[in-house]
Protein backbone atom coordinates (compact mmCIF):
# COMPACT_ATOMS: atom_id res chain seq x y z
CA UNK A 1 24.05 -19.23 -8.61
CA UNK A 2 24.73 -19.86 -4.92
CA UNK A 3 28.48 -20.32 -4.39
CA UNK A 4 28.91 -20.37 -0.64
CA UNK A 5 26.77 -20.54 2.51
CA UNK A 6 28.20 -19.80 5.97
CA UNK A 7 26.08 -20.36 9.09
CA UNK A 8 27.12 -19.37 12.61
CA UNK A 9 25.07 -20.42 15.66
CA UNK A 10 22.11 -21.17 13.38
CA UNK A 11 19.79 -23.68 15.11
CA UNK A 12 22.10 -26.72 15.60
CA UNK A 13 25.04 -25.31 13.66
CA UNK A 14 28.02 -23.79 15.46
CA UNK A 15 29.90 -22.96 12.28
CA UNK A 16 29.32 -24.49 8.87
CA UNK A 17 30.69 -23.44 5.50
CA UNK A 18 29.26 -25.05 2.37
CA UNK A 19 30.78 -24.45 -1.06
CA UNK A 20 28.18 -25.16 -3.74
CA UNK A 21 28.72 -25.90 -7.41
CA UNK A 22 26.54 -25.75 -10.48
CA UNK A 23 24.34 -28.61 -11.66
CA UNK A 24 22.34 -30.74 -9.22
CA UNK A 25 23.35 -31.04 -5.58
CA UNK A 26 21.74 -33.52 -3.17
CA UNK A 27 21.61 -32.91 0.60
CA UNK A 28 21.14 -36.12 2.58
CA UNK A 29 21.36 -37.42 6.13
CA UNK A 30 19.53 -39.46 8.69
CA UNK A 31 16.08 -38.44 9.90
CA UNK A 32 16.44 -35.65 12.46
CA UNK A 33 19.98 -34.74 11.40
CA UNK A 34 18.80 -31.34 10.16
CA UNK A 35 18.83 -31.74 6.38
CA UNK A 36 16.26 -29.00 5.90
CA UNK A 37 18.22 -26.56 8.08
CA UNK A 38 20.32 -25.74 5.04
CA UNK A 39 17.15 -24.73 3.23
CA UNK A 40 16.07 -22.75 6.30
CA UNK A 41 19.41 -20.93 6.33
CA UNK A 42 19.11 -20.04 2.65
CA UNK A 43 15.54 -18.86 3.27
CA UNK A 44 16.76 -16.74 6.19
CA UNK A 45 19.47 -15.01 4.17
CA UNK A 46 17.06 -14.34 1.30
CA UNK A 47 14.39 -12.61 3.35
CA UNK A 48 12.25 -15.14 5.26
CA UNK A 49 10.50 -13.85 8.35
CA UNK A 50 12.86 -14.00 11.32
CA UNK A 51 12.38 -16.49 14.15
CA UNK A 52 14.04 -16.50 17.56
CA UNK A 53 14.32 -20.30 17.19
CA UNK A 54 17.00 -19.76 14.55
CA UNK A 55 19.46 -18.79 17.30
CA UNK A 56 21.43 -21.71 18.69
CA UNK A 57 20.70 -22.41 22.35
CA UNK A 58 23.14 -20.49 24.55
CA UNK A 59 24.09 -18.00 21.81
CA UNK A 60 22.94 -14.40 21.68
CA UNK A 61 22.64 -14.23 17.89
CA UNK A 62 22.71 -16.30 14.72
CA UNK A 63 24.36 -15.23 11.49
CA UNK A 64 23.96 -16.48 7.91
CA UNK A 65 26.07 -15.30 4.98
CA UNK A 66 25.66 -16.26 1.33
CA UNK A 67 27.79 -15.51 -1.70
CA UNK A 68 26.21 -15.61 -5.18
CA UNK A 69 27.62 -15.48 -8.68
CA UNK A 70 25.24 -13.04 -10.41
CA UNK A 71 26.88 -12.91 -13.83
CA UNK A 72 24.15 -12.66 -16.48
CA UNK A 73 21.35 -11.91 -13.99
CA UNK A 74 20.26 -8.65 -15.61
CA UNK A 75 17.06 -8.30 -13.60
CA UNK A 76 19.04 -8.43 -10.36
CA UNK A 77 21.69 -6.00 -11.67
CA UNK A 78 18.97 -3.52 -12.59
CA UNK A 79 17.38 -3.88 -9.16
CA UNK A 80 20.68 -3.37 -7.34
CA UNK A 81 21.51 -0.33 -9.47
CA UNK A 82 18.14 1.26 -8.71
CA UNK A 83 18.99 1.12 -4.99
CA UNK A 84 22.71 1.90 -5.21
CA UNK A 85 23.60 -1.58 -3.96
CA UNK A 86 25.87 -2.54 -6.84
CA UNK A 87 29.48 -3.54 -6.24
CA UNK A 88 32.21 -4.14 -8.78
CA UNK A 89 32.44 -7.68 -10.08
CA UNK A 90 29.98 -10.51 -10.60
CA UNK A 91 29.53 -11.55 -6.97
CA UNK A 92 26.80 -10.60 -4.49
CA UNK A 93 27.05 -10.99 -0.73
CA UNK A 94 23.96 -11.32 1.47
CA UNK A 95 24.04 -11.38 5.26
CA UNK A 96 21.40 -11.80 7.95
CA UNK A 97 21.89 -11.44 11.70
CA UNK A 98 19.11 -12.60 14.03
CA UNK A 99 19.19 -12.01 17.79
CA UNK A 100 17.68 -14.28 20.43
CA UNK A 101 14.71 -11.94 20.86
CA UNK A 102 13.77 -12.39 17.19
CA UNK A 103 15.07 -9.06 15.90
CA UNK A 104 17.19 -9.07 12.78
CA UNK A 105 19.47 -6.98 10.58
CA UNK A 106 19.93 -7.46 6.85
CA UNK A 107 22.80 -6.56 4.53
CA UNK A 108 23.34 -6.57 0.77
CA UNK A 109 26.94 -6.12 -0.35
CA UNK A 110 27.69 -4.73 3.10
CA UNK A 111 24.91 -2.14 2.93
CA UNK A 112 22.28 -2.26 5.65
CA UNK A 113 18.84 -2.80 4.06
CA UNK A 114 15.28 -3.49 5.13
CA UNK A 115 13.98 -7.04 5.24
CA UNK A 116 11.64 -6.28 2.32
CA UNK A 117 14.63 -5.30 0.14
CA UNK A 118 16.49 -8.47 1.16
CA UNK A 119 13.40 -10.49 0.25
CA UNK A 120 13.10 -8.79 -3.15
CA UNK A 121 16.79 -9.50 -3.86
CA UNK A 122 16.36 -13.09 -2.70
CA UNK A 123 13.39 -13.64 -5.02
CA UNK A 124 15.68 -12.87 -7.97
CA UNK A 125 18.23 -15.43 -6.78
CA UNK A 126 16.47 -18.43 -5.22
CA UNK A 127 13.12 -20.22 -5.50
CA UNK A 128 12.16 -22.85 -2.91
CA UNK A 129 9.78 -25.66 -3.86
CA UNK A 130 8.60 -27.36 -0.70
CA UNK A 131 7.34 -30.79 0.26
CA UNK A 132 3.77 -29.47 0.57
CA UNK A 133 3.56 -28.67 -3.14
CA UNK A 134 1.04 -31.48 -3.66
CA UNK A 135 -1.36 -29.88 -1.15
CA UNK A 136 -1.00 -26.45 -2.72
CA UNK A 137 -1.50 -28.00 -6.13
CA UNK A 138 -5.21 -28.49 -5.38
CA UNK A 139 -5.74 -24.78 -4.74
CA UNK A 140 -7.36 -23.22 -7.82
CA UNK A 141 -5.53 -19.91 -7.44
CA UNK A 142 -2.23 -21.78 -7.21
CA UNK A 143 -3.16 -23.63 -10.39
CA UNK A 144 -3.63 -20.32 -12.18
CA UNK A 145 -0.26 -19.13 -10.85
CA UNK A 146 1.42 -22.26 -12.22
CA UNK A 147 -0.09 -21.71 -15.67
CA UNK A 148 1.24 -18.14 -15.66
CA UNK A 149 4.63 -19.35 -14.49
CA UNK A 150 4.76 -22.08 -17.15
CA UNK A 151 3.72 -19.64 -19.87
CA UNK A 152 6.14 -16.94 -18.62
CA UNK A 153 3.13 -14.60 -18.40
CA UNK A 154 4.26 -12.55 -15.42
CA UNK A 155 4.54 -9.35 -17.47
CA UNK A 156 1.06 -9.84 -18.94
CA UNK A 157 -0.37 -10.62 -15.51
CA UNK A 158 1.26 -7.50 -14.09
CA UNK A 159 -0.36 -5.48 -16.88
CA UNK A 160 -3.77 -6.90 -15.92
CA UNK A 161 -3.13 -6.15 -12.24
CA UNK A 162 -2.24 -2.54 -13.02
CA UNK A 163 -5.32 -2.17 -15.24
CA UNK A 164 -7.48 -3.61 -12.46
CA UNK A 165 -5.95 -1.32 -9.83
CA UNK A 166 -6.51 1.74 -12.03
CA UNK A 167 -10.11 0.69 -12.68
CA UNK A 168 -10.79 -0.21 -9.06
CA UNK A 169 -9.26 3.00 -7.69
CA UNK A 170 -11.27 5.17 -10.08
CA UNK A 171 -14.41 3.15 -9.38
CA UNK A 172 -13.85 3.69 -5.66
CA UNK A 173 -13.49 7.41 -6.25
CA UNK A 174 -16.73 7.43 -8.22
CA UNK A 175 -18.49 5.56 -5.41
CA UNK A 176 -17.22 8.05 -2.83
CA UNK A 177 -18.46 11.01 -4.92
CA UNK A 178 -21.83 9.31 -5.48
CA UNK A 179 -22.15 8.64 -1.73
CA UNK A 180 -21.26 12.26 -1.03
CA UNK A 181 -23.95 13.44 -3.44
CA UNK A 182 -26.53 11.11 -1.90
CA UNK A 183 -25.66 12.12 1.66
CA UNK A 184 -25.59 15.82 0.73
CA UNK A 185 -28.95 15.77 -1.01
CA UNK A 186 -30.81 15.67 2.31
CA UNK A 187 -29.16 18.84 3.57
CA UNK A 188 -29.18 20.62 0.21
CA UNK A 189 -32.70 22.10 0.49
CA UNK A 190 -32.16 23.44 4.01
CA UNK A 191 -28.77 24.89 3.17
CA UNK A 192 -30.12 26.45 -0.03
CA UNK A 193 -32.91 28.11 1.99
CA UNK A 194 -30.35 29.41 4.49
CA UNK A 195 -28.21 30.76 1.68
CA UNK A 196 -31.18 32.54 0.11
CA UNK A 197 -31.90 34.25 3.44
CA UNK A 198 -28.26 35.28 3.82
CA UNK A 199 -28.15 36.58 0.28
CA UNK A 200 -31.36 38.53 0.85
CA UNK A 201 -29.79 40.08 3.96
CA UNK A 202 -26.81 40.91 1.69
CA UNK A 203 -24.22 41.56 4.37
CA UNK A 204 -20.57 42.23 3.60
CA UNK A 205 -17.72 42.82 5.99
CA UNK A 206 -18.53 45.83 8.26
CA UNK A 207 -22.20 46.05 7.23
CA UNK A 208 -23.56 44.75 10.54
CA UNK A 209 -21.71 47.42 12.48
CA UNK A 210 -23.13 50.12 10.15
CA UNK A 211 -26.69 48.81 10.53
CA UNK A 212 -26.37 48.67 14.31
CA UNK A 213 -25.05 52.23 14.41
CA UNK A 214 -27.83 53.50 12.13
CA UNK A 215 -30.45 51.81 14.28
CA UNK A 216 -29.06 53.53 17.37
CA UNK A 217 -29.30 56.85 15.54
CA UNK A 218 -32.90 56.29 14.48
CA UNK A 219 -33.99 55.03 17.88
CA UNK A 220 -32.61 58.21 19.56
CA UNK A 221 -33.81 60.65 16.86
CA UNK A 222 -36.60 62.18 19.03
CA UNK A 223 -34.28 62.89 21.93
CA UNK A 224 -31.75 64.37 19.55
CA UNK A 225 -34.39 66.53 17.81
CA UNK A 226 -35.56 67.99 21.11
CA UNK A 227 -31.99 68.81 22.10
CA UNK A 228 -31.43 70.61 18.80
CA UNK A 229 -34.67 72.58 19.11
CA UNK A 230 -33.81 73.78 22.63
CA UNK A 231 -30.36 74.78 21.47
CA UNK A 232 -31.80 76.68 18.50
CA UNK A 233 -34.25 78.44 20.83
CA UNK A 234 -31.50 79.44 23.21
CA UNK A 235 -29.43 80.86 20.39
CA UNK A 236 -32.10 82.74 18.42
CA UNK A 237 -35.72 81.67 18.69
CA UNK A 238 -36.59 82.66 22.26
CA UNK A 239 -37.46 86.26 23.13
CA UNK A 240 -34.58 86.36 25.58
CA UNK A 241 -32.11 84.35 23.53
CA UNK A 242 -28.39 84.39 24.15
CA UNK A 243 -27.47 86.29 20.98
CA UNK A 244 -29.93 89.14 21.60
CA UNK A 245 -28.81 89.46 25.21
CA UNK A 246 -25.13 89.50 24.22
CA UNK A 247 -25.78 92.01 21.43
CA UNK A 248 -27.46 94.39 23.93
CA UNK A 249 -24.58 94.05 26.39
CA UNK A 250 -22.00 94.68 23.63
CA UNK A 251 -23.93 97.82 22.68
CA UNK A 252 -23.84 99.02 26.31
CA UNK A 253 -20.12 98.31 26.66
CA UNK A 254 -19.38 100.08 23.38
CA UNK A 255 -20.93 103.27 24.79
CA UNK A 256 -18.97 102.84 28.00
CA UNK A 257 -15.73 102.35 26.10
CA UNK A 258 -15.78 105.96 25.01
CA UNK A 259 -14.54 106.73 28.50
CA UNK A 260 -12.40 103.60 29.14
CA UNK A 261 -11.52 102.11 25.78
CA UNK A 262 -8.16 100.67 26.80
CA UNK A 263 -9.74 98.19 29.16
CA UNK A 264 -13.14 97.61 27.54
CA UNK A 265 -12.20 97.32 23.85
CA UNK A 266 -10.51 93.89 24.30
CA UNK A 267 -13.58 92.61 26.17
CA UNK A 268 -15.88 93.92 23.47
CA UNK A 269 -13.77 92.12 20.81
CA UNK A 270 -13.99 88.81 22.67
CA UNK A 271 -17.76 89.09 23.15
CA UNK A 272 -18.20 90.07 19.48
CA UNK A 273 -16.21 86.98 18.37
CA UNK A 274 -18.28 84.84 20.69
CA UNK A 275 -21.48 86.12 19.15
CA UNK A 276 -20.14 85.34 15.69
CA UNK A 277 -19.35 81.75 16.76
CA UNK A 278 -22.73 81.30 18.41
CA UNK A 279 -24.44 82.62 15.28
CA UNK A 280 -22.54 80.05 13.19
CA UNK A 281 -23.70 77.35 15.59
CA UNK A 282 -27.29 78.53 15.28
CA UNK A 283 -27.11 78.34 11.48
CA UNK A 284 -25.56 74.86 11.67
CA UNK A 285 -28.33 73.67 13.96
CA UNK A 286 -30.95 74.99 11.58
CA UNK A 287 -29.51 72.78 8.83
CA UNK A 288 -29.74 69.57 10.92
CA UNK A 289 -32.80 67.50 10.08
CA UNK A 290 -33.41 64.95 12.83
CA UNK A 291 -36.95 63.93 12.07
CA UNK A 292 -36.87 60.08 11.95
CA UNK A 293 -38.47 58.32 9.00
CA UNK A 294 -40.72 55.70 10.60
CA UNK A 295 -40.40 53.40 7.57
CA UNK A 296 -36.60 53.51 7.69
CA UNK A 297 -36.57 52.91 11.41
CA UNK A 298 -38.83 49.86 10.94
CA UNK A 299 -36.77 48.49 8.02
CA UNK A 300 -33.47 48.96 9.82
CA UNK A 301 -34.91 47.36 12.94
CA UNK A 302 -36.19 44.37 10.98
CA UNK A 303 -32.82 43.93 9.28
CA UNK A 304 -31.00 44.09 12.58
CA UNK A 305 -33.43 41.55 14.06
CA UNK A 306 -32.80 39.25 11.08
CA UNK A 307 -29.07 39.51 11.68
CA UNK A 308 -29.53 38.35 15.26
CA UNK A 309 -31.91 35.54 14.23
CA UNK A 310 -29.49 34.12 11.64
CA UNK A 311 -26.51 34.56 13.94
CA UNK A 312 -28.31 32.46 16.57
CA UNK A 313 -29.23 29.81 13.96
CA UNK A 314 -25.64 29.49 12.71
CA UNK A 315 -24.07 29.84 16.16
CA UNK A 316 -21.91 32.76 15.12
CA UNK A 317 -21.46 36.46 15.72
CA UNK A 318 -23.75 38.74 13.64
CA UNK A 319 -20.69 40.56 12.33
CA UNK A 320 -19.48 37.21 10.83
CA UNK A 321 -22.63 36.30 8.94
CA UNK A 322 -21.02 37.28 5.64
CA UNK A 323 -18.47 34.48 6.24
CA UNK A 324 -21.32 32.01 6.77
CA UNK A 325 -22.78 33.06 3.42
CA UNK A 326 -19.41 32.46 1.74
CA UNK A 327 -19.16 29.04 3.38
CA UNK A 328 -22.61 28.00 2.18
CA UNK A 329 -21.90 29.30 -1.30
CA UNK A 330 -18.78 27.12 -1.43
CA UNK A 331 -20.61 24.06 -0.05
CA UNK A 332 -23.54 24.35 -2.43
CA UNK A 333 -21.21 25.12 -5.32
CA UNK A 334 -19.26 21.98 -4.50
CA UNK A 335 -22.46 19.93 -4.20
CA UNK A 336 -23.74 21.18 -7.55
CA UNK A 337 -20.37 20.35 -9.14
CA UNK A 338 -20.68 16.70 -8.05
CA UNK A 339 -23.05 15.96 -10.91
CA UNK A 340 -20.46 16.98 -13.51
CA UNK A 341 -17.73 15.11 -11.63
CA UNK A 342 -19.87 11.98 -11.52
CA UNK A 343 -20.48 12.24 -15.26
CA UNK A 344 -16.76 12.64 -15.93
CA UNK A 345 -15.74 9.83 -13.54
CA UNK A 346 -18.36 7.49 -14.98
CA UNK A 347 -16.81 7.94 -18.42
CA UNK A 348 -13.32 7.34 -16.99
CA UNK A 349 -14.43 4.22 -15.12
CA UNK A 350 -16.06 2.89 -18.27
CA UNK A 351 -12.85 3.48 -20.25
CA UNK A 352 -10.66 1.83 -17.59
CA UNK A 353 -13.07 -1.10 -17.42
CA UNK A 354 -12.82 -1.57 -21.18
CA UNK A 355 -9.03 -1.46 -20.95
CA UNK A 356 -9.08 -4.03 -18.15
CA UNK A 357 -11.41 -6.34 -20.12
CA UNK A 358 -9.15 -6.12 -23.17
CA UNK A 359 -6.00 -6.97 -21.18
CA UNK A 360 -7.79 -9.75 -19.28
CA UNK A 361 -8.96 -11.26 -22.58
CA UNK A 362 -5.47 -11.09 -24.07
CA UNK A 363 -4.05 -12.76 -20.96
CA UNK A 364 -6.72 -15.45 -21.15
CA UNK A 365 -5.84 -16.24 -24.75
CA UNK A 366 -2.17 -16.64 -23.83
CA UNK A 367 -3.12 -18.73 -20.82
CA UNK A 368 -5.12 -21.04 -23.07
CA UNK A 369 -2.04 -21.64 -25.22
CA UNK A 370 0.13 -22.20 -22.13
CA UNK A 371 -2.47 -24.51 -20.56
CA UNK A 372 -2.62 -26.73 -23.65
CA UNK A 373 1.15 -27.02 -23.84
CA UNK A 374 1.41 -27.57 -20.10
CA UNK A 375 -1.12 -30.41 -20.28
CA UNK A 376 0.86 -32.11 -23.05
CA UNK A 377 4.21 -31.66 -21.28
CA UNK A 378 2.97 -32.90 -17.91
CA UNK A 379 1.25 -35.91 -19.53
CA UNK A 380 4.49 -36.83 -21.27
CA UNK A 381 6.55 -36.35 -18.12
CA UNK A 382 4.37 -38.43 -15.78
CA UNK A 383 4.72 -41.46 -18.05
CA UNK A 384 8.30 -41.69 -16.72
CA UNK A 385 6.96 -41.32 -13.19
CA UNK A 386 5.19 -44.71 -13.11
CA UNK A 387 1.94 -43.38 -14.58
CA UNK A 388 2.12 -44.72 -18.18
CA UNK A 389 -1.62 -44.24 -18.81
CA UNK A 390 -1.92 -40.96 -16.95
CA UNK A 391 -3.46 -37.97 -18.72
CA UNK A 392 -3.30 -34.42 -17.41
CA UNK A 393 -4.97 -31.37 -18.86
CA UNK A 394 -6.11 -27.93 -17.76
CA UNK A 395 -9.74 -26.87 -17.86
CA UNK A 396 -9.54 -23.11 -18.37
CA UNK A 397 -12.77 -21.10 -18.39
CA UNK A 398 -13.15 -17.39 -19.11
CA UNK A 399 -15.91 -16.20 -16.78
CA UNK A 400 -17.61 -13.00 -17.92
CA UNK A 401 -20.09 -13.11 -15.04
CA UNK A 402 -17.59 -12.86 -12.21
CA UNK A 403 -16.47 -9.49 -10.88
CA UNK A 404 -13.20 -8.10 -12.25
CA UNK A 405 -10.17 -9.10 -10.21
CA UNK A 406 -6.39 -8.59 -10.30
CA UNK A 407 -5.80 -12.06 -11.78
CA UNK A 408 -8.17 -11.62 -14.70
CA UNK A 409 -11.38 -13.51 -15.43
CA UNK A 410 -10.02 -17.04 -15.79
CA UNK A 411 -10.89 -20.02 -13.65
CA UNK A 412 -8.49 -22.95 -13.88
CA UNK A 413 -8.98 -26.56 -12.88
CA UNK A 414 -6.30 -29.21 -13.16
CA UNK A 415 -7.88 -32.39 -14.52
CA UNK A 416 -6.34 -35.86 -14.26
CA UNK A 417 -6.89 -39.53 -14.83
CA UNK A 418 -4.42 -42.31 -14.11
CA UNK A 419 -6.24 -44.97 -16.15
CA UNK A 420 -6.73 -45.43 -19.86
CA UNK A 421 -10.31 -44.89 -20.99
CA UNK A 422 -11.32 -43.13 -17.78
CA UNK A 423 -12.61 -39.58 -17.99
CA UNK A 424 -10.40 -37.03 -16.29
CA UNK A 425 -11.72 -35.39 -13.13
CA UNK A 426 -10.62 -32.56 -10.83
CA UNK A 427 -7.20 -33.28 -9.38
CA UNK A 428 -8.26 -33.21 -5.76
CA UNK A 429 -11.06 -35.70 -6.38
CA UNK A 430 -9.38 -38.42 -8.45
CA UNK A 431 -5.63 -38.42 -7.65
CA UNK A 432 -4.14 -40.48 -4.83
CA UNK A 433 -1.53 -39.04 -2.49
CA UNK A 434 1.32 -40.62 -4.42
CA UNK A 435 -0.06 -39.49 -7.76
CA UNK A 436 -0.44 -35.97 -6.40
CA UNK A 437 3.19 -35.94 -5.25
CA UNK A 438 4.44 -37.03 -8.65
CA UNK A 439 2.20 -34.59 -10.50
CA UNK A 440 3.31 -31.78 -8.22
CA UNK A 441 6.96 -32.58 -8.84
CA UNK A 442 6.49 -32.76 -12.61
CA UNK A 443 4.67 -29.41 -12.65
CA UNK A 444 7.18 -27.80 -10.26
CA UNK A 445 10.08 -28.93 -12.46
CA UNK A 446 8.35 -27.71 -15.61
CA UNK A 447 7.47 -24.30 -14.21
CA UNK A 448 10.84 -23.93 -12.48
CA UNK A 449 12.63 -24.55 -15.75
CA UNK A 450 10.59 -21.78 -17.39
CA UNK A 451 11.40 -18.97 -14.95
CA UNK A 452 14.64 -17.03 -14.67
CA UNK A 453 15.55 -17.85 -11.07
CA UNK A 454 19.13 -19.21 -11.21
CA UNK A 455 18.94 -21.42 -8.09
CA UNK A 456 16.06 -23.83 -7.43
CA UNK A 457 15.67 -25.65 -4.15
CA UNK A 458 13.51 -28.77 -3.82
CA UNK A 459 12.88 -29.58 -0.15
CA UNK A 460 11.81 -33.23 0.09
CA UNK A 461 9.43 -32.96 -2.85
CA UNK A 462 10.03 -36.65 -3.53
CA UNK A 463 8.11 -37.75 -0.43
CA UNK A 464 5.81 -40.70 -1.12
CA UNK A 465 7.64 -42.17 -4.12
CA UNK A 466 10.17 -44.99 -4.50
CA UNK A 467 11.72 -47.50 -6.89
CA UNK A 468 11.66 -46.72 -10.62
CA UNK A 469 9.69 -43.60 -9.97
CA UNK A 470 12.44 -42.34 -7.68
CA UNK A 471 14.99 -42.94 -10.42
CA UNK A 472 12.84 -41.02 -12.86
CA UNK A 473 12.60 -38.14 -10.38
CA UNK A 474 16.37 -38.12 -9.97
CA UNK A 475 16.81 -38.06 -13.73
CA UNK A 476 14.27 -35.25 -13.99
CA UNK A 477 16.08 -33.07 -11.45
CA UNK A 478 19.45 -33.90 -12.97
CA UNK A 479 18.30 -32.73 -16.40
CA UNK A 480 16.96 -29.55 -14.83
CA UNK A 481 20.42 -29.06 -13.32
CA UNK A 482 21.82 -28.71 -16.82
CA UNK A 483 20.13 -25.31 -17.16
CA UNK A 484 19.93 -24.01 -13.55
CA UNK A 485 21.49 -24.77 -10.20
CA UNK A 486 19.39 -27.38 -8.36
CA UNK A 487 19.62 -28.12 -4.65
CA UNK A 488 17.46 -30.97 -3.39
CA UNK A 489 16.95 -32.30 0.13
CA UNK A 490 16.12 -35.97 -0.29
CA UNK A 491 15.88 -39.29 1.53
CA UNK A 492 15.86 -41.35 -1.69
CA UNK A 493 19.11 -42.99 -2.83
CA UNK A 494 17.99 -42.93 -6.48
CA UNK A 495 17.58 -39.13 -6.35
CA UNK A 496 20.83 -38.58 -4.45
CA UNK A 497 22.74 -40.77 -6.90
CA UNK A 498 21.49 -38.66 -9.83
CA UNK A 499 23.09 -35.53 -8.37
CA UNK A 500 26.42 -34.20 -9.56
CA UNK A 501 27.33 -33.32 -5.97
CA UNK A 502 26.25 -34.59 -2.57
CA UNK A 503 26.42 -33.16 0.96
CA UNK A 504 25.88 -35.14 4.15
CA UNK A 505 24.25 -33.62 7.22
CA UNK A 506 25.16 -35.25 10.53
CA UNK A 507 24.26 -34.55 14.14
CA UNK A 508 26.82 -35.01 16.89
CA UNK A 509 26.90 -34.65 20.70
CA UNK A 510 29.74 -32.52 22.03
CA UNK A 511 31.73 -32.91 25.23
CA UNK A 512 29.88 -29.87 26.59
CA UNK A 513 26.63 -31.79 26.45
CA UNK A 514 25.23 -29.97 23.41
CA UNK A 515 24.25 -31.19 19.97
CA UNK A 516 25.67 -29.77 16.76
CA UNK A 517 24.84 -30.29 13.11
CA UNK A 518 27.62 -30.52 10.55
CA UNK A 519 27.57 -30.47 6.75
CA UNK A 520 30.29 -32.05 4.65
CA UNK A 521 30.71 -32.78 0.96
CA UNK A 522 30.87 -36.44 0.01
CA UNK A 523 33.18 -37.82 -2.63
CA UNK A 524 34.40 -41.25 -3.68
CA UNK A 525 33.92 -44.03 -1.17
CA UNK A 526 32.24 -41.74 1.37
CA UNK A 527 29.48 -41.04 -1.10
CA UNK A 528 29.10 -44.75 -1.85
CA UNK A 529 28.71 -45.44 1.87
CA UNK A 530 26.01 -42.75 2.26
CA UNK A 531 24.07 -44.09 -0.74
CA UNK A 532 24.36 -47.59 0.74
CA UNK A 533 23.04 -46.31 4.10
CA UNK A 534 20.10 -44.69 2.32
CA UNK A 535 19.40 -48.00 0.57
CA UNK A 536 19.79 -50.38 3.51
CA UNK A 537 19.38 -48.41 6.69
CA UNK A 538 21.87 -48.30 9.54
CA UNK A 539 23.48 -51.66 8.62
CA UNK A 540 25.74 -51.26 5.60
CA UNK A 541 26.81 -54.55 3.98
CA UNK A 542 29.03 -55.33 1.07
CA UNK A 543 25.88 -56.07 -0.93
CA UNK A 544 24.41 -52.64 -0.28
CA UNK A 545 27.78 -51.06 -1.06
CA UNK A 546 27.85 -52.86 -4.39
CA UNK A 547 24.28 -51.79 -5.09
CA UNK A 548 25.22 -48.22 -4.23
CA UNK A 549 28.15 -48.30 -6.67
CA UNK A 550 25.91 -49.67 -9.37
CA UNK A 551 23.29 -47.00 -8.70
CA UNK A 552 25.91 -44.24 -8.91
CA UNK A 553 27.41 -45.70 -12.07
CA UNK A 554 23.99 -45.99 -13.68
CA UNK A 555 23.04 -42.44 -12.73
CA UNK A 556 26.39 -41.16 -13.94
C-alpha cells in the first residue's frame, strides 16, 4: 500500500508530505483547491506521461516521491528481481523528477529507470478509477475488459493474445511468400529461358578467356601456316636452302683446315652445331599442323558471339557470365522452393488457427460464467444505490463470423433497465446520466475488488449522486477498504464520513503574491467542521456541525 507521498514544486504545491494509512481515505476541499492534484502526483510517480505544467510557476523542476509497503506483493517482487531493482526489506521507493521543459527522470529504489519500467511498476501498485468511468462504460471493448477483470481472466486473455499473435505472424509470413510467388511468376519464364541459354553456353571460370584465345588462333591460322611454310622452305625445301648452303661451306672449311686447323676448327664446330640446331627446328616445323578447321572456327566464333550477346543482355563482362548463371540458378531454385514453403506454412497457419480458436472458445466459456455472476452482483449492488428495481445483465455473443482478434471472438453488451417489468436495453440507450454514474461505480468497485492491485484510487467517481445514494456509495467504498487501500477524491459529505481517514486540501495566497496548495490530515473537531462545510457550504452553523457529527457517528 501507499505509505507516504512527498511533492515538491508540483503544480500549486511548494512542499507537501502526506502519510497514508490502510482502509479508506477521503480527500476533500473546496472547488478549485486542487483535490485531484494528489491523484495527479500519484499518477506522475507511477509512470504517467510527463507534462511541463506539473512544474510550479517560477521553479525549474518538480519532484514527487512515494513510499510503498510491498509486503505480500509477489508479482511486484518478481518483477523487481527480474530487473535487479530489489532492495532489502518490504518497502519500495519511487521518485520522479520533471523539468520545466517537460523532460523527466525516473527512479525505483534509487536506480535510474526508463519511464516504461516506472509505469510497469506503478501498474502493480496503484489503479486509478476516474470520474469519466460512466462514459467509458458505454464502450463495448471496455465492457469486455471489465468482464475479464471481474472474472480474473487476465492470464486466459494473455494466452489468447499470444495464440493470435503467433497465428497472425505466421499468416503474414504466408501472405508474403504467396505474394513473392505471384510477383515472381511473371519473370519466371524469361529467367528460365535465360538460364537455359547460359547453361547451353556452359561457361565456367576462365572459359571465356580460353575461347577468346582459341578464336584468335583460328582467325590467324592462314598467316601462321604461311610463315611456317616459308621457314620450312628456307631450312630444307628450297634448292638453295640454308642447311645445304651451310653444309657446303663447312665442307670447304674442313678442307682448308688441313693447313690452318688451329684457327678454323673452332669455327667449323660452331657452324656444325648451328646446322644441328637448324635441322632440329626444321623437324619441329614439319610437325606443326596449322591448317584451320573451318567448322571449328565457325563454332568457336559463334560461341564467342553468344558470350558477347549474353554479356550485353545481362549488363556484365563476358568473363563473368558464369556468375550470372549461378545467380539465376539460385533465384529459380528459390522460386521453385516457394511452393513447398507455402504448403508447409499453410499447414502451420491452419494449426495455429485451430489453437487460437480453441483458446478463444475456452476464454468465451469462462467469460460467460463471469458475465452471469457479474450481472447478479451488479443488480444486487445497485439496489442500495437508489435503483431498487434495476436489473443489469451482460449480453455476451460468440461471433464465429468475425475475423480473429487478440481479444477473442466475443462481443459484449451491457444491458440495463431501471424499472420493473421493462425489458433491458443497451446501457447507452436506456440509462440516464445519474444511473450510468452509479452503475459505473458499482462495476468499478466490483472489478477493483477482484484484482490484485493493493491501492485503488477513485477520483470523483461519485459525481451526479447525492442523499441516500451517496451514503450507499460511501458504505460501498468503506467495505472495499477492508480488503485494499482506497483513496477517494470526493465532494460528498456522506462519502467522506464513511472514510477511516480524511485529508483536507486548501489553497492559500502567500506574501510573495503566489498561490500554494496544502494538504493536511483532519481529526476530531477539524474533521467535523470539514464535513459540516461540505454539507452546508461556506457558512457553518451549529446545526450543520451537529448534522456532521451525526453523519460521522452513523458512518462509524
